[in-house]
Amino acid sequence: MPNKKIKVLYALLSEIEQNIPFKDKTNPKVTNSDIGWQLDHSLQVFNAVCEWTINSNPKDYERKFSFWRMVLFPIGYIPRGKVKAPKIVRPPNIILDEDLKAQLQTAKTHIEALKTLPENAYFKHFIFGKLSKQQTLRFLQMHTNHHLKIVRDMLQA
């Protein structure tokens, strides 16, 4: 298990935790949502992806070519404003500190579970297709960092 990818995920979760006190801050120059929306969405996606991967059947994993995965994964970049968050991972209207902290704890527990999974455990992404465990870790890193970049921009502007 590559410790580097796991360490990066823990560092990103730590950054989410550090930004919880700013959850109500907005910056319309960057986005219409507040920081809490970015944090909650990131954690919802993180946990949903982990649960999907944990519950996947590794025998069903089949590697297939994906143009967008080939282009975006090596550079670790997800463009802004190109895809709307699916309803299932859209934050509620009111985001509480306690809810963010609970989701954060769940995410940390999920990381530990991911460590023990076989390499063919996978997540099926609607654009990137089936992602192996390693690719799933990369996606979690990319997606979480994408939203933390938005948070950083909101705090700087």
N, C-alpha and C. Protein backbone atom coordinates (compact mmCIF):
# COMPACT_ATOMS: atom_id res chain seq x y z
N MET A 1 0.85 -1.19 0.00
CA MET A 1 0.00 0.00 0.00
C MET A 1 0.88 1.23 0.00
N PRO A 2 0.71 2.11 -0.96
CA PRO A 2 1.56 3.30 -1.00
C PRO A 2 1.23 4.27 0.14
N ASN A 3 2.14 4.37 1.08
CA ASN A 3 1.94 5.25 2.22
C ASN A 3 1.79 6.71 1.80
N LYS A 4 2.45 7.11 0.71
CA LYS A 4 2.41 8.50 0.27
C LYS A 4 0.98 8.95 -0.04
N LYS A 5 0.23 8.14 -0.76
CA LYS A 5 -1.15 8.51 -1.11
C LYS A 5 -2.02 8.62 0.13
N ILE A 6 -1.80 7.72 1.07
CA ILE A 6 -2.58 7.75 2.32
C ILE A 6 -2.21 9.00 3.12
N LYS A 7 -0.92 9.31 3.20
CA LYS A 7 -0.47 10.50 3.93
C LYS A 7 -1.05 11.77 3.32
N VAL A 8 -1.10 11.82 1.99
CA VAL A 8 -1.68 12.98 1.31
C VAL A 8 -3.16 13.12 1.67
N LEU A 9 -3.88 12.00 1.69
CA LEU A 9 -5.31 12.06 2.04
C LEU A 9 -5.51 12.56 3.47
N TYR A 10 -4.68 12.07 4.39
CA TYR A 10 -4.78 12.55 5.78
C TYR A 10 -4.48 14.05 5.86
N ALA A 11 -3.50 14.51 5.10
CA ALA A 11 -3.15 15.94 5.09
C ALA A 11 -4.31 16.78 4.55
N LEU A 12 -4.97 16.29 3.52
CA LEU A 12 -6.12 17.01 2.96
C LEU A 12 -7.27 17.06 3.95
N LEU A 13 -7.51 15.95 4.65
CA LEU A 13 -8.56 15.94 5.67
C LEU A 13 -8.22 16.90 6.81
N SER A 14 -6.95 17.00 7.14
CA SER A 14 -6.51 17.94 8.17
C SER A 14 -6.78 19.38 7.74
N GLU A 15 -6.55 19.66 6.46
CA GLU A 15 -6.83 21.00 5.94
C GLU A 15 -8.33 21.29 5.97
N ILE A 16 -9.14 20.30 5.67
CA ILE A 16 -10.60 20.48 5.78
C ILE A 16 -10.94 20.86 7.22
N GLU A 17 -10.38 20.10 8.17
CA GLU A 17 -10.67 20.35 9.59
C GLU A 17 -10.27 21.76 10.00
N GLN A 18 -9.12 22.23 9.52
CA GLN A 18 -8.64 23.57 9.86
C GLN A 18 -9.55 24.67 9.30
N ASN A 19 -10.29 24.36 8.26
CA ASN A 19 -11.16 25.36 7.63
C ASN A 19 -12.59 25.36 8.15
N ILE A 20 -12.93 24.43 9.02
CA ILE A 20 -14.29 24.39 9.57
C ILE A 20 -14.69 25.71 10.23
N PRO A 21 -13.80 26.38 10.98
CA PRO A 21 -14.21 27.66 11.60
C PRO A 21 -14.63 28.74 10.59
N PHE A 22 -14.23 28.58 9.33
CA PHE A 22 -14.56 29.58 8.30
C PHE A 22 -15.74 29.15 7.43
N LYS A 23 -16.49 28.15 7.88
CA LYS A 23 -17.51 27.53 7.03
C LYS A 23 -18.58 28.50 6.51
N ASP A 24 -18.82 29.59 7.23
CA ASP A 24 -19.88 30.52 6.81
C ASP A 24 -19.36 31.63 5.89
N LYS A 25 -18.07 31.66 5.64
CA LYS A 25 -17.49 32.71 4.80
C LYS A 25 -17.88 32.48 3.33
N THR A 26 -18.18 33.58 2.68
CA THR A 26 -18.50 33.54 1.25
C THR A 26 -17.56 34.48 0.50
N ASN A 27 -17.45 34.27 -0.79
CA ASN A 27 -16.69 35.15 -1.67
C ASN A 27 -17.24 35.00 -3.08
N PRO A 28 -18.21 35.86 -3.44
CA PRO A 28 -18.87 35.74 -4.74
C PRO A 28 -17.93 35.90 -5.94
N LYS A 29 -16.73 36.46 -5.70
CA LYS A 29 -15.76 36.57 -6.80
C LYS A 29 -15.20 35.20 -7.18
N VAL A 30 -15.28 34.26 -6.24
CA VAL A 30 -14.73 32.92 -6.48
C VAL A 30 -15.84 31.93 -6.80
N THR A 31 -16.91 31.92 -5.98
CA THR A 31 -18.01 30.97 -6.16
C THR A 31 -19.25 31.48 -5.43
N ASN A 32 -20.40 30.96 -5.79
CA ASN A 32 -21.64 31.36 -5.14
C ASN A 32 -21.88 30.64 -3.82
N SER A 33 -21.16 29.56 -3.57
CA SER A 33 -21.35 28.80 -2.33
C SER A 33 -20.45 29.34 -1.23
N ASP A 34 -20.71 28.88 0.00
CA ASP A 34 -19.82 29.26 1.10
C ASP A 34 -18.80 28.15 1.33
N ILE A 35 -17.86 28.41 2.21
CA ILE A 35 -16.81 27.43 2.49
C ILE A 35 -17.39 26.14 3.05
N GLY A 36 -18.42 26.25 3.87
CA GLY A 36 -19.06 25.06 4.42
C GLY A 36 -19.57 24.14 3.33
N TRP A 37 -20.13 24.72 2.27
CA TRP A 37 -20.62 23.91 1.15
C TRP A 37 -19.46 23.12 0.54
N GLN A 38 -18.33 23.78 0.32
CA GLN A 38 -17.16 23.12 -0.27
C GLN A 38 -16.66 21.98 0.61
N LEU A 39 -16.60 22.23 1.92
CA LEU A 39 -16.11 21.22 2.85
C LEU A 39 -17.08 20.04 2.94
N ASP A 40 -18.37 20.34 3.08
CA ASP A 40 -19.38 19.29 3.20
C ASP A 40 -19.42 18.42 1.94
N HIS A 41 -19.42 19.07 0.79
CA HIS A 41 -19.45 18.32 -0.47
C HIS A 41 -18.21 17.43 -0.59
N SER A 42 -17.05 17.97 -0.27
CA SER A 42 -15.82 17.18 -0.34
C SER A 42 -15.91 15.94 0.53
N LEU A 43 -16.40 16.11 1.75
CA LEU A 43 -16.52 14.99 2.68
C LEU A 43 -17.59 13.99 2.24
N GLN A 44 -18.70 14.50 1.72
CA GLN A 44 -19.74 13.58 1.23
C GLN A 44 -19.20 12.71 0.09
N VAL A 45 -18.49 13.33 -0.84
CA VAL A 45 -17.92 12.58 -1.96
C VAL A 45 -16.88 11.60 -1.44
N PHE A 46 -16.00 12.07 -0.56
CA PHE A 46 -14.95 11.22 0.01
C PHE A 46 -15.56 9.96 0.61
N ASN A 47 -16.57 10.15 1.45
CA ASN A 47 -17.17 9.01 2.15
C ASN A 47 -17.97 8.11 1.21
N ALA A 48 -18.68 8.69 0.27
CA ALA A 48 -19.46 7.88 -0.68
C ALA A 48 -18.54 7.04 -1.56
N VAL A 49 -17.45 7.64 -2.03
CA VAL A 49 -16.49 6.92 -2.87
C VAL A 49 -15.85 5.78 -2.07
N CYS A 50 -15.48 6.07 -0.84
CA CYS A 50 -14.87 5.03 0.01
C CYS A 50 -15.84 3.87 0.24
N GLU A 51 -17.08 4.20 0.56
CA GLU A 51 -18.07 3.15 0.81
C GLU A 51 -18.30 2.30 -0.43
N TRP A 52 -18.38 2.94 -1.58
CA TRP A 52 -18.56 2.22 -2.83
C TRP A 52 -17.39 1.28 -3.06
N THR A 53 -16.18 1.78 -2.83
CA THR A 53 -14.97 0.99 -3.04
C THR A 53 -14.90 -0.19 -2.06
N ILE A 54 -15.20 0.09 -0.80
CA ILE A 54 -15.19 -0.96 0.23
C ILE A 54 -16.18 -2.06 -0.11
N ASN A 55 -17.33 -1.70 -0.66
CA ASN A 55 -18.38 -2.67 -0.98
C ASN A 55 -18.28 -3.27 -2.38
N SER A 56 -17.27 -2.85 -3.14
CA SER A 56 -17.14 -3.36 -4.51
C SER A 56 -16.69 -4.82 -4.51
N ASN A 57 -16.96 -5.49 -5.61
CA ASN A 57 -16.48 -6.86 -5.79
C ASN A 57 -15.26 -6.80 -6.70
N PRO A 58 -14.07 -7.03 -6.16
CA PRO A 58 -12.85 -6.92 -6.96
C PRO A 58 -12.86 -7.80 -8.22
N LYS A 59 -13.64 -8.86 -8.21
CA LYS A 59 -13.73 -9.74 -9.40
C LYS A 59 -14.41 -9.02 -10.56
N ASP A 60 -15.19 -7.99 -10.26
CA ASP A 60 -15.89 -7.24 -11.30
C ASP A 60 -15.05 -6.13 -11.91
N TYR A 61 -13.86 -5.88 -11.35
CA TYR A 61 -13.03 -4.80 -11.88
C TYR A 61 -12.45 -5.18 -13.23
N GLU A 62 -12.58 -4.28 -14.15
CA GLU A 62 -12.03 -4.47 -15.49
C GLU A 62 -11.48 -3.13 -15.96
N ARG A 63 -10.20 -3.09 -16.23
CA ARG A 63 -9.58 -1.84 -16.66
C ARG A 63 -10.00 -1.51 -18.09
N LYS A 64 -10.46 -0.28 -18.28
CA LYS A 64 -10.83 0.19 -19.61
C LYS A 64 -10.23 1.58 -19.83
N PHE A 65 -10.00 1.90 -21.08
CA PHE A 65 -9.43 3.20 -21.43
C PHE A 65 -10.44 4.31 -21.14
N SER A 66 -9.95 5.40 -20.58
CA SER A 66 -10.76 6.59 -20.37
C SER A 66 -9.92 7.80 -20.78
N PHE A 67 -10.37 8.51 -21.80
CA PHE A 67 -9.63 9.68 -22.27
C PHE A 67 -9.44 10.70 -21.15
N TRP A 68 -10.53 11.03 -20.45
CA TRP A 68 -10.44 12.06 -19.41
C TRP A 68 -9.58 11.63 -18.24
N ARG A 69 -9.60 10.36 -17.89
CA ARG A 69 -8.72 9.86 -16.83
C ARG A 69 -7.27 9.99 -17.28
N MET A 70 -7.00 9.62 -18.54
CA MET A 70 -5.64 9.68 -19.07
C MET A 70 -5.11 11.12 -19.07
N VAL A 71 -5.97 12.07 -19.36
CA VAL A 71 -5.56 13.47 -19.42
C VAL A 71 -5.44 14.10 -18.03
N LEU A 72 -6.44 13.89 -17.18
CA LEU A 72 -6.51 14.63 -15.91
C LEU A 72 -5.76 13.99 -14.75
N PHE A 73 -5.71 12.67 -14.67
CA PHE A 73 -5.06 12.03 -13.51
C PHE A 73 -3.57 12.34 -13.42
N PRO A 74 -2.80 12.30 -14.51
CA PRO A 74 -1.37 12.60 -14.38
C PRO A 74 -1.08 14.02 -13.88
N ILE A 75 -1.93 14.96 -14.24
CA ILE A 75 -1.70 16.34 -13.78
C ILE A 75 -2.45 16.65 -12.49
N GLY A 76 -3.31 15.74 -12.07
CA GLY A 76 -4.02 15.90 -10.80
C GLY A 76 -4.96 17.09 -10.77
N TYR A 77 -5.62 17.33 -11.88
CA TYR A 77 -6.43 18.54 -12.02
C TYR A 77 -7.86 18.22 -12.41
N ILE A 78 -8.79 18.91 -11.75
CA ILE A 78 -10.20 18.85 -12.12
C ILE A 78 -10.61 20.29 -12.43
N PRO A 79 -11.04 20.57 -13.66
CA PRO A 79 -11.42 21.94 -14.02
C PRO A 79 -12.63 22.43 -13.23
N ARG A 80 -12.65 23.72 -12.97
CA ARG A 80 -13.76 24.31 -12.22
C ARG A 80 -14.96 24.57 -13.12
N GLY A 81 -16.14 24.38 -12.52
CA GLY A 81 -17.38 24.78 -13.17
C GLY A 81 -17.81 23.95 -14.36
N LYS A 82 -17.22 22.78 -14.55
CA LYS A 82 -17.56 21.96 -15.72
C LYS A 82 -18.60 20.89 -15.42
N VAL A 83 -18.67 20.44 -14.17
CA VAL A 83 -19.60 19.38 -13.79
C VAL A 83 -20.37 19.82 -12.55
N LYS A 84 -21.67 19.61 -12.57
CA LYS A 84 -22.51 19.93 -11.41
C LYS A 84 -22.53 18.74 -10.46
N ALA A 85 -22.44 19.02 -9.17
CA ALA A 85 -22.45 17.95 -8.17
C ALA A 85 -23.76 17.16 -8.24
N PRO A 86 -23.66 15.82 -8.28
CA PRO A 86 -24.89 15.01 -8.25
C PRO A 86 -25.69 15.29 -6.97
N LYS A 87 -27.00 15.18 -7.05
CA LYS A 87 -27.88 15.49 -5.91
C LYS A 87 -27.48 14.74 -4.65
N ILE A 88 -27.04 13.51 -4.80
CA ILE A 88 -26.74 12.67 -3.64
C ILE A 88 -25.58 13.22 -2.80
N VAL A 89 -24.72 14.05 -3.40
CA VAL A 89 -23.58 14.61 -2.66
C VAL A 89 -23.64 16.14 -2.58
N ARG A 90 -24.85 16.69 -2.69
CA ARG A 90 -25.02 18.13 -2.50
C ARG A 90 -25.31 18.40 -1.03
N PRO A 91 -24.61 19.35 -0.45
CA PRO A 91 -24.80 19.65 0.97
C PRO A 91 -26.19 20.20 1.29
N PRO A 92 -26.58 20.06 2.56
CA PRO A 92 -27.87 20.63 2.99
C PRO A 92 -27.77 22.16 3.05
N ASN A 93 -28.89 22.82 3.21
CA ASN A 93 -28.90 24.29 3.29
C ASN A 93 -28.18 24.80 4.53
N ILE A 94 -28.31 24.06 5.63
CA ILE A 94 -27.64 24.44 6.88
C ILE A 94 -26.58 23.40 7.18
N ILE A 95 -25.34 23.86 7.29
CA ILE A 95 -24.21 22.96 7.55
C ILE A 95 -23.69 23.24 8.95
N LEU A 96 -23.72 22.23 9.79
CA LEU A 96 -23.30 22.37 11.18
C LEU A 96 -21.87 21.88 11.37
N ASP A 97 -21.15 22.53 12.28
CA ASP A 97 -19.78 22.11 12.61
C ASP A 97 -19.76 20.64 13.01
N GLU A 98 -20.73 20.23 13.82
CA GLU A 98 -20.76 18.85 14.31
C GLU A 98 -20.89 17.86 13.16
N ASP A 99 -21.69 18.22 12.16
CA ASP A 99 -21.87 17.33 11.01
C ASP A 99 -20.56 17.20 10.21
N LEU A 100 -19.87 18.32 10.03
CA LEU A 100 -18.59 18.29 9.32
C LEU A 100 -17.58 17.43 10.09
N LYS A 101 -17.55 17.60 11.40
CA LYS A 101 -16.60 16.84 12.23
C LYS A 101 -16.93 15.35 12.21
N ALA A 102 -18.21 15.01 12.22
CA ALA A 102 -18.61 13.60 12.15
C ALA A 102 -18.22 12.99 10.80
N GLN A 103 -18.47 13.74 9.73
CA GLN A 103 -18.08 13.25 8.40
C GLN A 103 -16.57 13.10 8.29
N LEU A 104 -15.85 14.00 8.91
CA LEU A 104 -14.39 13.95 8.92
C LEU A 104 -13.90 12.69 9.62
N GLN A 105 -14.50 12.37 10.74
CA GLN A 105 -14.11 11.15 11.47
C GLN A 105 -14.43 9.90 10.65
N THR A 106 -15.57 9.92 9.97
CA THR A 106 -15.93 8.80 9.10
C THR A 106 -14.91 8.65 7.97
N ALA A 107 -14.48 9.77 7.41
CA ALA A 107 -13.49 9.73 6.33
C ALA A 107 -12.18 9.12 6.81
N LYS A 108 -11.76 9.46 8.01
CA LYS A 108 -10.51 8.89 8.55
C LYS A 108 -10.65 7.38 8.74
N THR A 109 -11.81 6.96 9.21
CA THR A 109 -12.07 5.52 9.37
C THR A 109 -12.05 4.82 8.01
N HIS A 110 -12.61 5.49 7.01
CA HIS A 110 -12.62 4.91 5.66
C HIS A 110 -11.21 4.74 5.11
N ILE A 111 -10.33 5.70 5.38
CA ILE A 111 -8.95 5.57 4.89
C ILE A 111 -8.32 4.29 5.44
N GLU A 112 -8.54 4.06 6.72
CA GLU A 112 -7.98 2.84 7.33
C GLU A 112 -8.55 1.59 6.66
N ALA A 113 -9.83 1.62 6.31
CA ALA A 113 -10.45 0.47 5.64
C ALA A 113 -9.88 0.29 4.23
N LEU A 114 -9.63 1.40 3.53
CA LEU A 114 -9.10 1.32 2.17
C LEU A 114 -7.73 0.64 2.16
N LYS A 115 -6.95 0.86 3.20
CA LYS A 115 -5.60 0.28 3.26
C LYS A 115 -5.63 -1.24 3.12
N THR A 116 -6.68 -1.86 3.63
CA THR A 116 -6.74 -3.33 3.68
C THR A 116 -7.37 -3.96 2.43
N LEU A 117 -7.88 -3.14 1.54
CA LEU A 117 -8.59 -3.67 0.36
C LEU A 117 -7.63 -4.22 -0.69
N PRO A 118 -8.08 -5.21 -1.46
CA PRO A 118 -7.25 -5.70 -2.57
C PRO A 118 -7.12 -4.63 -3.65
N GLU A 119 -6.10 -4.76 -4.47
CA GLU A 119 -5.83 -3.75 -5.51
C GLU A 119 -6.96 -3.62 -6.53
N ASN A 120 -7.75 -4.67 -6.72
CA ASN A 120 -8.85 -4.62 -7.68
C ASN A 120 -10.17 -4.14 -7.08
N ALA A 121 -10.15 -3.74 -5.81
CA ALA A 121 -11.32 -3.04 -5.28
C ALA A 121 -11.45 -1.78 -6.12
N TYR A 122 -12.66 -1.34 -6.38
CA TYR A 122 -12.79 -0.23 -7.32
C TYR A 122 -13.98 0.66 -7.00
N PHE A 123 -13.95 1.83 -7.65
CA PHE A 123 -15.06 2.78 -7.61
C PHE A 123 -15.44 3.07 -9.06
N LYS A 124 -16.74 3.10 -9.34
CA LYS A 124 -17.20 3.40 -10.69
C LYS A 124 -17.61 4.86 -10.76
N HIS A 125 -16.82 5.64 -11.49
CA HIS A 125 -17.06 7.08 -11.64
C HIS A 125 -17.83 7.32 -12.94
N PHE A 126 -18.74 8.28 -12.92
CA PHE A 126 -19.59 8.50 -14.08
C PHE A 126 -18.85 9.07 -15.29
N ILE A 127 -17.66 9.63 -15.09
CA ILE A 127 -16.87 10.13 -16.22
C ILE A 127 -15.63 9.27 -16.44
N PHE A 128 -14.92 8.93 -15.36
CA PHE A 128 -13.65 8.22 -15.46
C PHE A 128 -13.78 6.71 -15.57
N GLY A 129 -14.97 6.17 -15.37
CA GLY A 129 -15.18 4.73 -15.43
C GLY A 129 -14.74 4.04 -14.14
N LYS A 130 -14.45 2.74 -14.24
CA LYS A 130 -14.03 1.98 -13.06
C LYS A 130 -12.60 2.35 -12.70
N LEU A 131 -12.43 2.77 -11.45
CA LEU A 131 -11.11 3.16 -10.95
C LEU A 131 -10.62 2.10 -9.98
N SER A 132 -9.42 1.58 -10.21
CA SER A 132 -8.82 0.63 -9.28
C SER A 132 -8.59 1.32 -7.93
N LYS A 133 -8.17 0.56 -6.95
CA LYS A 133 -7.93 1.15 -5.63
C LYS A 133 -6.94 2.31 -5.74
N GLN A 134 -5.85 2.11 -6.46
CA GLN A 134 -4.85 3.18 -6.61
C GLN A 134 -5.45 4.40 -7.31
N GLN A 135 -6.21 4.16 -8.36
CA GLN A 135 -6.84 5.27 -9.08
C GLN A 135 -7.90 5.95 -8.21
N THR A 136 -8.57 5.18 -7.39
CA THR A 136 -9.56 5.75 -6.47
C THR A 136 -8.88 6.66 -5.46
N LEU A 137 -7.75 6.24 -4.93
CA LEU A 137 -7.00 7.09 -4.01
C LEU A 137 -6.59 8.39 -4.70
N ARG A 138 -6.17 8.27 -5.96
CA ARG A 138 -5.78 9.46 -6.74
C ARG A 138 -7.00 10.37 -6.95
N PHE A 139 -8.14 9.78 -7.29
CA PHE A 139 -9.35 10.58 -7.48
C PHE A 139 -9.73 11.31 -6.20
N LEU A 140 -9.69 10.61 -5.06
CA LEU A 140 -10.02 11.25 -3.78
C LEU A 140 -9.10 12.44 -3.52
N GLN A 141 -7.83 12.26 -3.83
CA GLN A 141 -6.86 13.34 -3.66
C GLN A 141 -7.21 14.51 -4.58
N MET A 142 -7.45 14.22 -5.85
CA MET A 142 -7.75 15.27 -6.84
C MET A 142 -9.03 16.02 -6.49
N HIS A 143 -10.08 15.29 -6.15
CA HIS A 143 -11.37 15.92 -5.88
C HIS A 143 -11.31 16.76 -4.61
N THR A 144 -10.71 16.22 -3.56
CA THR A 144 -10.62 16.97 -2.30
C THR A 144 -9.77 18.21 -2.49
N ASN A 145 -8.65 18.06 -3.19
CA ASN A 145 -7.77 19.20 -3.44
C ASN A 145 -8.47 20.26 -4.30
N HIS A 146 -9.25 19.82 -5.26
CA HIS A 146 -10.01 20.74 -6.12
C HIS A 146 -10.88 21.68 -5.26
N HIS A 147 -11.58 21.11 -4.29
CA HIS A 147 -12.45 21.94 -3.46
C HIS A 147 -11.66 22.73 -2.42
N LEU A 148 -10.54 22.21 -1.96
CA LEU A 148 -9.71 22.98 -1.04
C LEU A 148 -9.04 24.16 -1.74
N LYS A 149 -8.74 24.02 -3.03
CA LYS A 149 -8.21 25.15 -3.79
C LYS A 149 -9.25 26.27 -3.85
N ILE A 150 -10.50 25.89 -4.03
CA ILE A 150 -11.58 26.88 -4.04
C ILE A 150 -11.66 27.57 -2.68
N VAL A 151 -11.56 26.79 -1.61
CA VAL A 151 -11.58 27.35 -0.25
C VAL A 151 -10.42 28.32 -0.07
N ARG A 152 -9.22 27.92 -0.49
CA ARG A 152 -8.04 28.80 -0.36
C ARG A 152 -8.26 30.10 -1.12
N ASP A 153 -8.80 30.00 -2.33
CA ASP A 153 -9.08 31.21 -3.12
C ASP A 153 -10.11 32.09 -2.43
N MET A 154 -11.11 31.48 -1.82
CA MET A 154 -12.14 32.24 -1.12
C MET A 154 -11.54 33.00 0.07
N LEU A 155 -10.61 32.38 0.76
CA LEU A 155 -10.00 33.01 1.93
C LEU A 155 -9.00 34.09 1.55
N GLN A 156 -8.36 33.96 0.39
CA GLN A 156 -7.35 34.93 -0.04
C GLN A 156 -7.95 36.17 -0.68
N ALA A 157 -9.03 36.02 -1.41
CA ALA A 157 -9.58 37.15 -2.17
C ALA A 157 -10.33 38.12 -1.29
